[in-house]
């Protein structure tokens, strides 16, 4: 099945004149090609610059960085990577902080004995 170039009505393949509106059809294959080109032009391009601020947000709030990474990993890979790295850095810094504080606590208790 093809569609009329003028009104969009379904018409048989190879039909020269649309039975509904009377418009001439030069080629039914051009209709699908033109429609596909119009669809591509109407979609705005995705901006994926991998901004530093998304990484900073991921570092300040690691769960947000993780969520943004999971949501954007297919559509905006550079921005997703920045947010994911920010979240990962924050988690690593937090773990190191707890390890250092644990060691200082143990060291302080041994020194007091």
PDB file of N, CA and C in Angstrom:
ATOM      1  N   UNK A   1       0.834  -1.180   0.000  1.00  0.00           N
ATOM      2  CA  UNK A   1       0.000   0.000   0.000  1.00  0.00           C
ATOM      3  C   UNK A   1       0.882   1.248   0.000  1.00  0.00           C
ATOM      4  N   UNK A   2       0.414   2.267  -0.668  1.00  0.00           N
ATOM      5  CA  UNK A   2       1.089   3.559  -0.730  1.00  0.00           C
ATOM      6  C   UNK A   2       0.128   4.622  -0.198  1.00  0.00           C
ATOM      7  N   UNK A   3       0.623   5.837  -0.096  1.00  0.00           N
ATOM      8  CA  UNK A   3      -0.183   6.949   0.403  1.00  0.00           C
ATOM      9  C   UNK A   3      -0.159   8.089  -0.612  1.00  0.00           C
ATOM     10  N   UNK A   4      -1.260   8.813  -0.677  1.00  0.00           N
ATOM     11  CA  UNK A   4      -1.373   9.958  -1.587  1.00  0.00           C
ATOM     12  C   UNK A   4      -0.410  11.056  -1.149  1.00  0.00           C
ATOM     13  N   UNK A   5       0.266  11.671  -2.100  1.00  0.00           N
ATOM     14  CA  UNK A   5       1.215  12.743  -1.802  1.00  0.00           C
ATOM     15  C   UNK A   5       0.506  14.007  -1.331  1.00  0.00           C
ATOM     16  N   UNK A   6      -0.764  14.153  -1.667  1.00  0.00           N
ATOM     17  CA  UNK A   6      -1.495  15.367  -1.336  1.00  0.00           C
ATOM     18  C   UNK A   6      -2.291  15.230  -0.036  1.00  0.00           C
ATOM     19  N   UNK A   7      -3.130  14.199   0.055  1.00  0.00           N
ATOM     20  CA  UNK A   7      -4.036  14.087   1.209  1.00  0.00           C
ATOM     21  C   UNK A   7      -3.638  13.001   2.198  1.00  0.00           C
ATOM     22  N   UNK A   8      -2.722  12.092   1.824  1.00  0.00           N
ATOM     23  CA  UNK A   8      -2.278  11.049   2.735  1.00  0.00           C
ATOM     24  C   UNK A   8      -3.180   9.826   2.762  1.00  0.00           C
ATOM     25  N   UNK A   9      -4.157   9.761   1.908  1.00  0.00           N
ATOM     26  CA  UNK A   9      -5.079   8.622   1.844  1.00  0.00           C
ATOM     27  C   UNK A   9      -4.339   7.386   1.334  1.00  0.00           C
ATOM     28  N   UNK A  10      -4.713   6.213   1.842  1.00  0.00           N
ATOM     29  CA  UNK A  10      -4.116   4.977   1.349  1.00  0.00           C
ATOM     30  C   UNK A  10      -4.601   4.728  -0.074  1.00  0.00           C
ATOM     31  N   UNK A  11      -3.639   4.444  -0.962  1.00  0.00           N
ATOM     32  CA  UNK A  11      -3.974   4.131  -2.345  1.00  0.00           C
ATOM     33  C   UNK A  11      -3.191   2.889  -2.758  1.00  0.00           C
ATOM     34  N   UNK A  12      -3.628   2.241  -3.810  1.00  0.00           N
ATOM     35  CA  UNK A  12      -2.935   1.065  -4.300  1.00  0.00           C
ATOM     36  C   UNK A  12      -1.605   1.453  -4.921  1.00  0.00           C
ATOM     37  N   UNK A  13      -0.661   0.512  -4.898  1.00  0.00           N
ATOM     38  CA  UNK A  13       0.625   0.748  -5.549  1.00  0.00           C
ATOM     39  C   UNK A  13       0.407   0.943  -7.045  1.00  0.00           C
ATOM     40  N   UNK A  14       1.096   1.916  -7.612  1.00  0.00           N
ATOM     41  CA  UNK A  14       0.999   2.176  -9.044  1.00  0.00           C
ATOM     42  C   UNK A  14      -0.154   3.072  -9.437  1.00  0.00           C
ATOM     43  N   UNK A  15      -0.952   3.562  -8.490  1.00  0.00           N
ATOM     44  CA  UNK A  15      -2.063   4.467  -8.798  1.00  0.00           C
ATOM     45  C   UNK A  15      -1.501   5.809  -9.246  1.00  0.00           C
ATOM     46  N   UNK A  16      -2.059   6.335 -10.349  1.00  0.00           N
ATOM     47  CA  UNK A  16      -1.555   7.587 -10.907  1.00  0.00           C
ATOM     48  C   UNK A  16      -2.324   8.780 -10.360  1.00  0.00           C
ATOM     49  N   UNK A  17      -3.649   8.620 -10.130  1.00  0.00           N
ATOM     50  CA  UNK A  17      -4.484   9.707  -9.614  1.00  0.00           C
ATOM     51  C   UNK A  17      -5.181   9.222  -8.353  1.00  0.00           C
ATOM     52  N   UNK A  18      -5.133  10.031  -7.301  1.00  0.00           N
ATOM     53  CA  UNK A  18      -5.778   9.681  -6.034  1.00  0.00           C
ATOM     54  C   UNK A  18      -7.290   9.702  -6.211  1.00  0.00           C
ATOM     55  N   UNK A  19      -7.992   8.631  -5.810  1.00  0.00           N
ATOM     56  CA  UNK A  19      -9.445   8.619  -5.950  1.00  0.00           C
ATOM     57  C   UNK A  19     -10.157   9.578  -4.989  1.00  0.00           C
ATOM     58  N   UNK A  20      -9.509   9.993  -3.907  1.00  0.00           N
ATOM     59  CA  UNK A  20     -10.156  10.876  -2.943  1.00  0.00           C
ATOM     60  C   UNK A  20     -10.023  12.351  -3.328  1.00  0.00           C
ATOM     61  N   UNK A  21      -8.767  12.803  -3.627  1.00  0.00           N
ATOM     62  CA  UNK A  21      -8.562  14.228  -3.876  1.00  0.00           C
ATOM     63  C   UNK A  21      -8.246  14.548  -5.336  1.00  0.00           C
ATOM     64  N   UNK A  22      -7.917  13.551  -6.142  1.00  0.00           N
ATOM     65  CA  UNK A  22      -7.643  13.770  -7.552  1.00  0.00           C
ATOM     66  C   UNK A  22      -6.235  14.244  -7.865  1.00  0.00           C
ATOM     67  N   UNK A  23      -5.351  14.256  -6.896  1.00  0.00           N
ATOM     68  CA  UNK A  23      -3.971  14.689  -7.134  1.00  0.00           C
ATOM     69  C   UNK A  23      -3.215  13.614  -7.892  1.00  0.00           C
ATOM     70  N   UNK A  24      -2.330  14.048  -8.799  1.00  0.00           N
ATOM     71  CA  UNK A  24      -1.524  13.086  -9.552  1.00  0.00           C
ATOM     72  C   UNK A  24      -0.367  12.610  -8.693  1.00  0.00           C
ATOM     73  N   UNK A  25      -0.032  11.353  -8.878  1.00  0.00           N
ATOM     74  CA  UNK A  25       1.057  10.721  -8.140  1.00  0.00           C
ATOM     75  C   UNK A  25       2.173  10.409  -9.121  1.00  0.00           C
ATOM     76  N   UNK A  26       3.307  11.077  -9.001  1.00  0.00           N
ATOM     77  CA  UNK A  26       4.387  10.823  -9.953  1.00  0.00           C
ATOM     78  C   UNK A  26       5.100   9.529  -9.617  1.00  0.00           C
ATOM     79  N   UNK A  27       5.353   9.306  -8.338  1.00  0.00           N
ATOM     80  CA  UNK A  27       6.012   8.067  -7.925  1.00  0.00           C
ATOM     81  C   UNK A  27       5.648   7.807  -6.474  1.00  0.00           C
ATOM     82  N   UNK A  28       5.146   6.632  -6.185  1.00  0.00           N
ATOM     83  CA  UNK A  28       4.749   6.323  -4.811  1.00  0.00           C
ATOM     84  C   UNK A  28       5.951   6.049  -3.941  1.00  0.00           C
ATOM     85  N   UNK A  29       7.084   5.657  -4.518  1.00  0.00           N
ATOM     86  CA  UNK A  29       8.265   5.425  -3.695  1.00  0.00           C
ATOM     87  C   UNK A  29       8.845   6.731  -3.191  1.00  0.00           C
ATOM     88  N   UNK A  30       8.666   7.821  -3.928  1.00  0.00           N
ATOM     89  CA  UNK A  30       9.167   9.119  -3.480  1.00  0.00           C
ATOM     90  C   UNK A  30       8.441   9.599  -2.235  1.00  0.00           C
ATOM     91  N   UNK A  31       7.194   9.162  -2.063  1.00  0.00           N
ATOM     92  CA  UNK A  31       6.415   9.582  -0.900  1.00  0.00           C
ATOM     93  C   UNK A  31       7.076   9.068   0.372  1.00  0.00           C
ATOM     94  N   UNK A  32       7.446   7.808   0.390  1.00  0.00           N
ATOM     95  CA  UNK A  32       8.049   7.256   1.602  1.00  0.00           C
ATOM     96  C   UNK A  32       9.430   7.850   1.841  1.00  0.00           C
ATOM     97  N   UNK A  33      10.188   8.119   0.797  1.00  0.00           N
ATOM     98  CA  UNK A  33      11.505   8.734   0.943  1.00  0.00           C
ATOM     99  C   UNK A  33      11.360  10.155   1.472  1.00  0.00           C
ATOM    100  N   UNK A  34      10.430  10.940   0.909  1.00  0.00           N
ATOM    101  CA  UNK A  34      10.201  12.311   1.383  1.00  0.00           C
ATOM    102  C   UNK A  34       9.735  12.324   2.829  1.00  0.00           C
ATOM    103  N   UNK A  35       8.867  11.374   3.189  1.00  0.00           N
ATOM    104  CA  UNK A  35       8.359  11.299   4.554  1.00  0.00           C
ATOM    105  C   UNK A  35       9.512  10.992   5.517  1.00  0.00           C
ATOM    106  N   UNK A  36      10.389  10.065   5.139  1.00  0.00           N
ATOM    107  CA  UNK A  36      11.522   9.721   5.992  1.00  0.00           C
ATOM    108  C   UNK A  36      12.466  10.901   6.143  1.00  0.00           C
ATOM    109  N   UNK A  37      12.697  11.658   5.079  1.00  0.00           N
ATOM    110  CA  UNK A  37      13.561  12.821   5.169  1.00  0.00           C
ATOM    111  C   UNK A  37      12.952  13.894   6.059  1.00  0.00           C
ATOM    112  N   UNK A  38      11.641  14.101   5.971  1.00  0.00           N
ATOM    113  CA  UNK A  38      10.973  15.089   6.820  1.00  0.00           C
ATOM    114  C   UNK A  38      11.038  14.681   8.283  1.00  0.00           C
ATOM    115  N   UNK A  39      10.931  13.370   8.565  1.00  0.00           N
ATOM    116  CA  UNK A  39      11.009  12.887   9.939  1.00  0.00           C
ATOM    117  C   UNK A  39      12.395  13.152  10.514  1.00  0.00           C
ATOM    118  N   UNK A  40      13.441  12.918   9.725  1.00  0.00           N
ATOM    119  CA  UNK A  40      14.794  13.147  10.209  1.00  0.00           C
ATOM    120  C   UNK A  40      15.047  14.621  10.460  1.00  0.00           C
ATOM    121  N   UNK A  41      14.503  15.485   9.652  1.00  0.00           N
ATOM    122  CA  UNK A  41      14.731  16.910   9.811  1.00  0.00           C
ATOM    123  C   UNK A  41      13.978  17.482  10.999  1.00  0.00           C
ATOM    124  N   UNK A  42      12.858  16.893  11.375  1.00  0.00           N
ATOM    125  CA  UNK A  42      12.070  17.434  12.473  1.00  0.00           C
ATOM    126  C   UNK A  42      12.641  17.053  13.835  1.00  0.00           C
ATOM    127  N   UNK A  43      13.539  16.064  13.902  1.00  0.00           N
ATOM    128  CA  UNK A  43      14.136  15.659  15.157  1.00  0.00           C
ATOM    129  C   UNK A  43      15.344  16.541  15.445  1.00  0.00           C
ATOM    130  N   UNK A  44      15.351  17.224  16.580  1.00  0.00           N
ATOM    131  CA  UNK A  44      16.495  18.092  16.881  1.00  0.00           C
ATOM    132  C   UNK A  44      17.733  17.257  17.187  1.00  0.00           C
ATOM    133  N   UNK A  45      18.907  17.766  16.861  1.00  0.00           N
ATOM    134  CA  UNK A  45      20.132  17.017  17.143  1.00  0.00           C
ATOM    135  C   UNK A  45      20.399  16.965  18.646  1.00  0.00           C
ATOM    136  N   UNK A  46      20.988  15.875  19.086  1.00  0.00           N
ATOM    137  CA  UNK A  46      21.304  15.681  20.498  1.00  0.00           C
ATOM    138  C   UNK A  46      22.641  16.344  20.792  1.00  0.00           C
ATOM    139  N   UNK A  47      22.667  17.210  21.801  1.00  0.00           N
ATOM    140  CA  UNK A  47      23.903  17.877  22.203  1.00  0.00           C
ATOM    141  C   UNK A  47      24.572  17.009  23.260  1.00  0.00           C
ATOM    142  N   UNK A  48      25.779  16.546  22.945  1.00  0.00           N
ATOM    143  CA  UNK A  48      26.510  15.675  23.864  1.00  0.00           C
ATOM    144  C   UNK A  48      27.931  16.195  23.988  1.00  0.00           C
ATOM    145  N   UNK A  49      28.123  17.193  24.856  1.00  0.00           N
ATOM    146  CA  UNK A  49      29.449  17.777  25.009  1.00  0.00           C
ATOM    147  C   UNK A  49      30.183  17.269  26.234  1.00  0.00           C
ATOM    148  N   UNK A  50      29.566  16.413  27.033  1.00  0.00           N
ATOM    149  CA  UNK A  50      30.232  15.840  28.200  1.00  0.00           C
ATOM    150  C   UNK A  50      30.614  16.867  29.235  1.00  0.00           C
ATOM    151  N   UNK A  51      29.745  17.793  29.536  1.00  0.00           N
ATOM    152  CA  UNK A  51      30.033  18.937  30.389  1.00  0.00           C
ATOM    153  C   UNK A  51      30.613  18.609  31.746  1.00  0.00           C
ATOM    154  N   UNK A  52      31.513  19.480  32.191  1.00  0.00           N
ATOM    155  CA  UNK A  52      32.159  19.365  33.497  1.00  0.00           C
ATOM    156  C   UNK A  52      31.133  19.465  34.629  1.00  0.00           C
ATOM    157  N   UNK A  53      30.126  20.293  34.432  1.00  0.00           N
ATOM    158  CA  UNK A  53      29.143  20.500  35.504  1.00  0.00           C
ATOM    159  C   UNK A  53      28.340  19.235  35.805  1.00  0.00           C
ATOM    160  N   UNK A  54      28.106  18.394  34.797  1.00  0.00           N
ATOM    161  CA  UNK A  54      27.408  17.134  35.062  1.00  0.00           C
ATOM    162  C   UNK A  54      28.292  16.228  35.917  1.00  0.00           C
ATOM    163  N   UNK A  55      29.595  16.257  35.672  1.00  0.00           N
ATOM    164  CA  UNK A  55      30.524  15.488  36.500  1.00  0.00           C
ATOM    165  C   UNK A  55      30.576  16.019  37.915  1.00  0.00           C
ATOM    166  N   UNK A  56      30.539  17.341  38.048  1.00  0.00           N
ATOM    167  CA  UNK A  56      30.535  17.953  39.379  1.00  0.00           C
ATOM    168  C   UNK A  56      29.247  17.600  40.129  1.00  0.00           C
ATOM    169  N   UNK A  57      28.126  17.624  39.422  1.00  0.00           N
ATOM    170  CA  UNK A  57      26.862  17.227  40.055  1.00  0.00           C
ATOM    171  C   UNK A  57      26.922  15.770  40.490  1.00  0.00           C
ATOM    172  N   UNK A  58      27.482  14.908  39.634  1.00  0.00           N
ATOM    173  CA  UNK A  58      27.628  13.496  39.995  1.00  0.00           C
ATOM    174  C   UNK A  58      28.551  13.303  41.178  1.00  0.00           C
ATOM    175  N   UNK A  59      29.554  14.165  41.302  1.00  0.00           N
ATOM    176  CA  UNK A  59      30.477  14.076  42.435  1.00  0.00           C
ATOM    177  C   UNK A  59      29.810  14.552  43.723  1.00  0.00           C
ATOM    178  N   UNK A  60      29.038  15.613  43.646  1.00  0.00           N
ATOM    179  CA  UNK A  60      28.371  16.147  44.840  1.00  0.00           C
ATOM    180  C   UNK A  60      27.223  15.254  45.302  1.00  0.00           C
ATOM    181  N   UNK A  61      26.498  14.702  44.359  1.00  0.00           N
ATOM    182  CA  UNK A  61      25.361  13.833  44.680  1.00  0.00           C
ATOM    183  C   UNK A  61      25.530  12.541  43.864  1.00  0.00           C
ATOM    184  N   UNK A  62      26.243  11.556  44.412  1.00  0.00           N
ATOM    185  CA  UNK A  62      26.590  10.361  43.633  1.00  0.00           C
ATOM    186  C   UNK A  62      25.398   9.593  43.078  1.00  0.00           C
ATOM    187  N   UNK A  63      24.301   9.548  43.791  1.00  0.00           N
ATOM    188  CA  UNK A  63      23.141   8.788  43.297  1.00  0.00           C
ATOM    189  C   UNK A  63      22.569   9.449  42.043  1.00  0.00           C
ATOM    190  N   UNK A  64      22.622  10.783  41.983  1.00  0.00           N
ATOM    191  CA  UNK A  64      22.166  11.502  40.794  1.00  0.00           C
ATOM    192  C   UNK A  64      23.095  11.201  39.621  1.00  0.00           C
ATOM    193  N   UNK A  65      24.405  11.183  39.881  1.00  0.00           N
ATOM    194  CA  UNK A  65      25.365  10.836  38.838  1.00  0.00           C
ATOM    195  C   UNK A  65      25.141   9.443  38.297  1.00  0.00           C
ATOM    196  N   UNK A  66      24.835   8.506  39.173  1.00  0.00           N
ATOM    197  CA  UNK A  66      24.562   7.127  38.742  1.00  0.00           C
ATOM    198  C   UNK A  66      23.290   7.051  37.906  1.00  0.00           C
ATOM    199  N   UNK A  67      22.257   7.733  38.340  1.00  0.00           N
ATOM    200  CA  UNK A  67      20.990   7.731  37.594  1.00  0.00           C
ATOM    201  C   UNK A  67      21.182   8.381  36.220  1.00  0.00           C
ATOM    202  N   UNK A  68      21.872   9.514  36.176  1.00  0.00           N
ATOM    203  CA  UNK A  68      22.119  10.176  34.889  1.00  0.00           C
ATOM    204  C   UNK A  68      22.949   9.293  33.972  1.00  0.00           C
ATOM    205  N   UNK A  69      23.931   8.599  34.528  1.00  0.00           N
ATOM    206  CA  UNK A  69      24.728   7.684  33.719  1.00  0.00           C
ATOM    207  C   UNK A  69      23.856   6.599  33.106  1.00  0.00           C
ATOM    208  N   UNK A  70      22.998   6.001  33.910  1.00  0.00           N
ATOM    209  CA  UNK A  70      22.141   4.915  33.413  1.00  0.00           C
ATOM    210  C   UNK A  70      21.119   5.412  32.390  1.00  0.00           C
ATOM    211  N   UNK A  71      20.622   6.622  32.569  1.00  0.00           N
ATOM    212  CA  UNK A  71      19.616   7.154  31.652  1.00  0.00           C
ATOM    213  C   UNK A  71      20.240   7.593  30.334  1.00  0.00           C
ATOM    214  N   UNK A  72      21.416   8.205  30.391  1.00  0.00           N
ATOM    215  CA  UNK A  72      22.021   8.800  29.200  1.00  0.00           C
ATOM    216  C   UNK A  72      23.056   7.933  28.508  1.00  0.00           C
ATOM    217  N   UNK A  73      23.337   6.729  28.990  1.00  0.00           N
ATOM    218  CA  UNK A  73      24.461   5.969  28.447  1.00  0.00           C
ATOM    219  C   UNK A  73      24.306   5.630  26.962  1.00  0.00           C
ATOM    220  N   UNK A  74      23.096   5.544  26.447  1.00  0.00           N
ATOM    221  CA  UNK A  74      22.886   5.242  25.032  1.00  0.00           C
ATOM    222  C   UNK A  74      22.700   6.494  24.186  1.00  0.00           C
ATOM    223  N   UNK A  75      22.044   7.506  24.723  1.00  0.00           N
ATOM    224  CA  UNK A  75      21.738   8.688  23.922  1.00  0.00           C
ATOM    225  C   UNK A  75      22.810   9.771  24.009  1.00  0.00           C
ATOM    226  N   UNK A  76      23.428   9.930  25.174  1.00  0.00           N
ATOM    227  CA  UNK A  76      24.474  10.945  25.380  1.00  0.00           C
ATOM    228  C   UNK A  76      25.661  10.293  26.082  1.00  0.00           C
ATOM    229  N   UNK A  77      26.465   9.521  25.364  1.00  0.00           N
ATOM    230  CA  UNK A  77      27.524   8.758  26.042  1.00  0.00           C
ATOM    231  C   UNK A  77      28.598   9.622  26.713  1.00  0.00           C
ATOM    232  N   UNK A  78      28.958  10.743  26.134  1.00  0.00           N
ATOM    233  CA  UNK A  78      29.997  11.584  26.747  1.00  0.00           C
ATOM    234  C   UNK A  78      29.501  12.239  28.034  1.00  0.00           C
ATOM    235  N   UNK A  79      28.284  12.739  28.022  1.00  0.00           N
ATOM    236  CA  UNK A  79      27.709  13.362  29.214  1.00  0.00           C
ATOM    237  C   UNK A  79      27.469  12.303  30.293  1.00  0.00           C
ATOM    238  N   UNK A  80      27.018  11.121  29.878  1.00  0.00           N
ATOM    239  CA  UNK A  80      26.805  10.028  30.828  1.00  0.00           C
ATOM    240  C   UNK A  80      28.121   9.633  31.487  1.00  0.00           C
ATOM    241  N   UNK A  81      29.187   9.599  30.702  1.00  0.00           N
ATOM    242  CA  UNK A  81      30.499   9.241  31.236  1.00  0.00           C
ATOM    243  C   UNK A  81      30.953  10.273  32.261  1.00  0.00           C
ATOM    244  N   UNK A  82      30.741  11.550  31.984  1.00  0.00           N
ATOM    245  CA  UNK A  82      31.136  12.609  32.921  1.00  0.00           C
ATOM    246  C   UNK A  82      30.374  12.469  34.240  1.00  0.00           C
ATOM    247  N   UNK A  83      29.067  12.242  34.171  1.00  0.00           N
ATOM    248  CA  UNK A  83      28.267  12.099  35.388  1.00  0.00           C
ATOM    249  C   UNK A  83      28.661  10.834  36.146  1.00  0.00           C
ATOM    250  N   UNK A  84      28.921   9.753  35.415  1.00  0.00           N
ATOM    251  CA  UNK A  84      29.308   8.490  36.052  1.00  0.00           C
ATOM    252  C   UNK A  84      30.670   8.584  36.721  1.00  0.00           C
ATOM    253  N   UNK A  85      31.633   9.238  36.056  1.00  0.00           N
ATOM    254  CA  UNK A  85      32.952   9.404  36.658  1.00  0.00           C
ATOM    255  C   UNK A  85      32.861  10.281  37.903  1.00  0.00           C
ATOM    256  N   UNK A  86      32.042  11.320  37.854  1.00  0.00           N
ATOM    257  CA  UNK A  86      31.850  12.161  39.032  1.00  0.00           C
ATOM    258  C   UNK A  86      31.306  11.364  40.209  1.00  0.00           C
ATOM    259  N   UNK A  87      30.331  10.499  39.939  1.00  0.00           N
ATOM    260  CA  UNK A  87      29.764   9.673  41.003  1.00  0.00           C
ATOM    261  C   UNK A  87      30.802   8.689  41.534  1.00  0.00           C
ATOM    262  N   UNK A  88      31.588   8.099  40.641  1.00  0.00           N
ATOM    263  CA  UNK A  88      32.610   7.139  41.045  1.00  0.00           C
ATOM    264  C   UNK A  88      33.694   7.801  41.890  1.00  0.00           C
ATOM    265  N   UNK A  89      34.120   8.983  41.497  1.00  0.00           N
ATOM    266  CA  UNK A  89      35.127   9.727  42.271  1.00  0.00           C
ATOM    267  C   UNK A  89      34.600  10.034  43.668  1.00  0.00           C
ATOM    268  N   UNK A  90      33.356  10.431  43.755  1.00  0.00           N
ATOM    269  CA  UNK A  90      32.760  10.742  45.056  1.00  0.00           C
ATOM    270  C   UNK A  90      32.722   9.519  45.959  1.00  0.00           C
ATOM    271  N   UNK A  91      32.360   8.379  45.414  1.00  0.00           N
ATOM    272  CA  UNK A  91      32.299   7.151  46.206  1.00  0.00           C
ATOM    273  C   UNK A  91      33.701   6.753  46.669  1.00  0.00           C
ATOM    274  N   UNK A  92      34.687   6.846  45.777  1.00  0.00           N
ATOM    275  CA  UNK A  92      36.063   6.491  46.144  1.00  0.00           C
ATOM    276  C   UNK A  92      36.588   7.418  47.240  1.00  0.00           C
ATOM    277  N   UNK A  93      36.329   8.720  47.118  1.00  0.00           N
ATOM    278  CA  UNK A  93      36.760   9.671  48.145  1.00  0.00           C
ATOM    279  C   UNK A  93      36.079   9.358  49.476  1.00  0.00           C
ATOM    280  N   UNK A  94      34.802   9.016  49.436  1.00  0.00           N
ATOM    281  CA  UNK A  94      34.086   8.667  50.668  1.00  0.00           C
ATOM    282  C   UNK A  94      34.661   7.426  51.333  1.00  0.00           C
ATOM    283  N   UNK A  95      34.975   6.407  50.558  1.00  0.00           N
ATOM    284  CA  UNK A  95      35.557   5.184  51.119  1.00  0.00           C
ATOM    285  C   UNK A  95      36.934   5.474  51.710  1.00  0.00           C
ATOM    286  N   UNK A  96      37.750   6.241  50.982  1.00  0.00           N
ATOM    287  CA  UNK A  96      39.072   6.598  51.505  1.00  0.00           C
ATOM    288  C   UNK A  96      38.958   7.408  52.804  1.00  0.00           C
ATOM    289  N   UNK A  97      37.996   8.297  52.860  1.00  0.00           N
ATOM    290  CA  UNK A  97      37.778   9.094  54.075  1.00  0.00           C
ATOM    291  C   UNK A  97      37.474   8.183  55.271  1.00  0.00           C
ATOM    292  N   UNK A  98      36.586   7.215  55.088  1.00  0.00           N
ATOM    293  CA  UNK A  98      36.249   6.315  56.193  1.00  0.00           C
ATOM    294  C   UNK A  98      37.428   5.442  56.586  1.00  0.00           C
ATOM    295  N   UNK A  99      38.220   4.987  55.626  1.00  0.00           N
ATOM    296  CA  UNK A  99      39.398   4.178  55.944  1.00  0.00           C
ATOM    297  C   UNK A  99      40.402   5.003  56.737  1.00  0.00           C
ATOM    298  N   UNK A 100      40.652   6.235  56.306  1.00  0.00           N
ATOM    299  CA  UNK A 100      41.607   7.092  57.018  1.00  0.00           C
ATOM    300  C   UNK A 100      41.108   7.385  58.429  1.00  0.00           C
ATOM    301  N   UNK A 101      39.834   7.705  58.576  1.00  0.00           N
ATOM    302  CA  UNK A 101      39.284   7.986  59.906  1.00  0.00           C
ATOM    303  C   UNK A 101      39.344   6.743  60.793  1.00  0.00           C
ATOM    304  N   UNK A 102      39.129   5.572  60.224  1.00  0.00           N
ATOM    305  CA  UNK A 102      39.219   4.321  60.984  1.00  0.00           C
ATOM    306  C   UNK A 102      40.653   4.111  61.468  1.00  0.00           C
ATOM    307  N   UNK A 103      41.640   4.334  60.569  1.00  0.00           N
ATOM    308  CA  UNK A 103      43.031   4.156  60.948  1.00  0.00           C
ATOM    309  C   UNK A 103      43.470   5.186  61.987  1.00  0.00           C
ATOM    310  N   UNK A 104      43.000   6.428  61.875  1.00  0.00           N
ATOM    311  CA  UNK A 104      43.319   7.450  62.874  1.00  0.00           C
ATOM    312  C   UNK A 104      42.709   7.067  64.214  1.00  0.00           C
ATOM    313  N   UNK A 105      41.509   6.517  64.191  1.00  0.00           N
ATOM    314  CA  UNK A 105      40.870   6.090  65.435  1.00  0.00           C
ATOM    315  C   UNK A 105      41.625   4.956  66.107  1.00  0.00           C
ATOM    316  N   UNK A 106      42.083   3.997  65.304  1.00  0.00           N
ATOM    317  CA  UNK A 106      42.843   2.889  65.874  1.00  0.00           C
ATOM    318  C   UNK A 106      44.195   3.395  66.400  1.00  0.00           C
ATOM    319  N   UNK A 107      44.839   4.279  65.607  1.00  0.00           N
ATOM    320  CA  UNK A 107      46.112   4.839  66.023  1.00  0.00           C
ATOM    321  C   UNK A 107      45.982   5.645  67.308  1.00  0.00           C
ATOM    322  N   UNK A 108      44.920   6.386  67.430  1.00  0.00           N
ATOM    323  CA  UNK A 108      44.693   7.178  68.635  1.00  0.00           C
ATOM    324  C   UNK A 108      44.438   6.310  69.844  1.00  0.00           C
ATOM    325  N   UNK A 109      43.751   5.202  69.678  1.00  0.00           N
ATOM    326  CA  UNK A 109      43.470   4.326  70.811  1.00  0.00           C
ATOM    327  C   UNK A 109      44.724   3.565  71.243  1.00  0.00           C
ATOM    328  N   UNK A 110      45.608   3.236  70.304  1.00  0.00           N
ATOM    329  CA  UNK A 110      46.841   2.540  70.650  1.00  0.00           C
ATOM    330  C   UNK A 110      47.774   3.506  71.381  1.00  0.00           C
ATOM    331  N   UNK A 111      47.813   4.762  70.956  1.00  0.00           N
ATOM    332  CA  UNK A 111      48.696   5.752  71.580  1.00  0.00           C
ATOM    333  C   UNK A 111      48.256   6.054  73.015  1.00  0.00           C
ATOM    334  N   UNK A 112      46.984   5.900  73.311  1.00  0.00           N
ATOM    335  CA  UNK A 112      46.482   6.214  74.645  1.00  0.00           C
ATOM    336  C   UNK A 112      46.782   5.099  75.626  1.00  0.00           C
ATOM    337  N   UNK A 113      47.163   3.936  75.156  1.00  0.00           N
ATOM    338  CA  UNK A 113      47.441   2.807  76.061  1.00  0.00           C
ATOM    339  C   UNK A 113      48.743   2.956  76.687  1.00  0.00           C
TER     340      UNK A 113
END
